[in-house]
Amino acid sequence: MHKKDIMNSETMMYMPVYDSFGNLCTQVYEKNNEYISTLPPTKLLDFNLRYFGSSLRGAFDGSKMILGKLNKNPIVVHERCNILWFPSRSPLHPDCIWFAVHHIDDYVAVDKKMTKVTFMNGKEFIVDVSVNALESRIQRAFLLKYRLEKRTKYLLVQYDRVKVFQRLAKNMFEDETQDS
């Protein structure tokens, strides 16, 4: 693995490409850069998830727990940085493209089965997926984000309550020791 294979908040898309020997590789598109990784897209994504402390299997399991059993679920790559990705088709399919939802600016149908995706930096790609399917996957990614934020907010509220009670208890203890 190369350091360049580690995604960041500017990584927009993983597109499958074949090298001159017929090996499946990944064309990595970033906001201001692009390069080819020798790993296939799904393996590259799994490598990054493992780098950040998870795995593709774990990300899919978590997504399934939150959204229910769906095909082509979005996944959380990095929760704190709000990085969610979704596949264009089954991740088992070699032609699966992975998208970082926060980089997509717009999308329009080219025909029944093709969609033009425009990223925030103005780059456009025509992908082999219907506009309705793409829109559904984008909506599920935002639903995953919303539900995860809702759960996280609940945890933070509980954590804040514990901190308040700890402070109150500490203040009460200090008051009692000062009175003695």
Foldseek 3Di string as FASTA:
>chain_A
DDPVLADDPQWFKWFWDADPVRQTWTFTDGLPDTDIGSDQPQVSLQVNLVVVPAGPVRQVVVLCVQPNDDAFAKGDSDLVVLWIKTWLHHPVDSRIMIGGLVFWDDKDAPDQQWIWTAGPSGDIDIDRGGPVSVVVNSVNSVVSSVSVVVVVVVVVVVVVVVVVVVVVVVVVVVVVVVVD
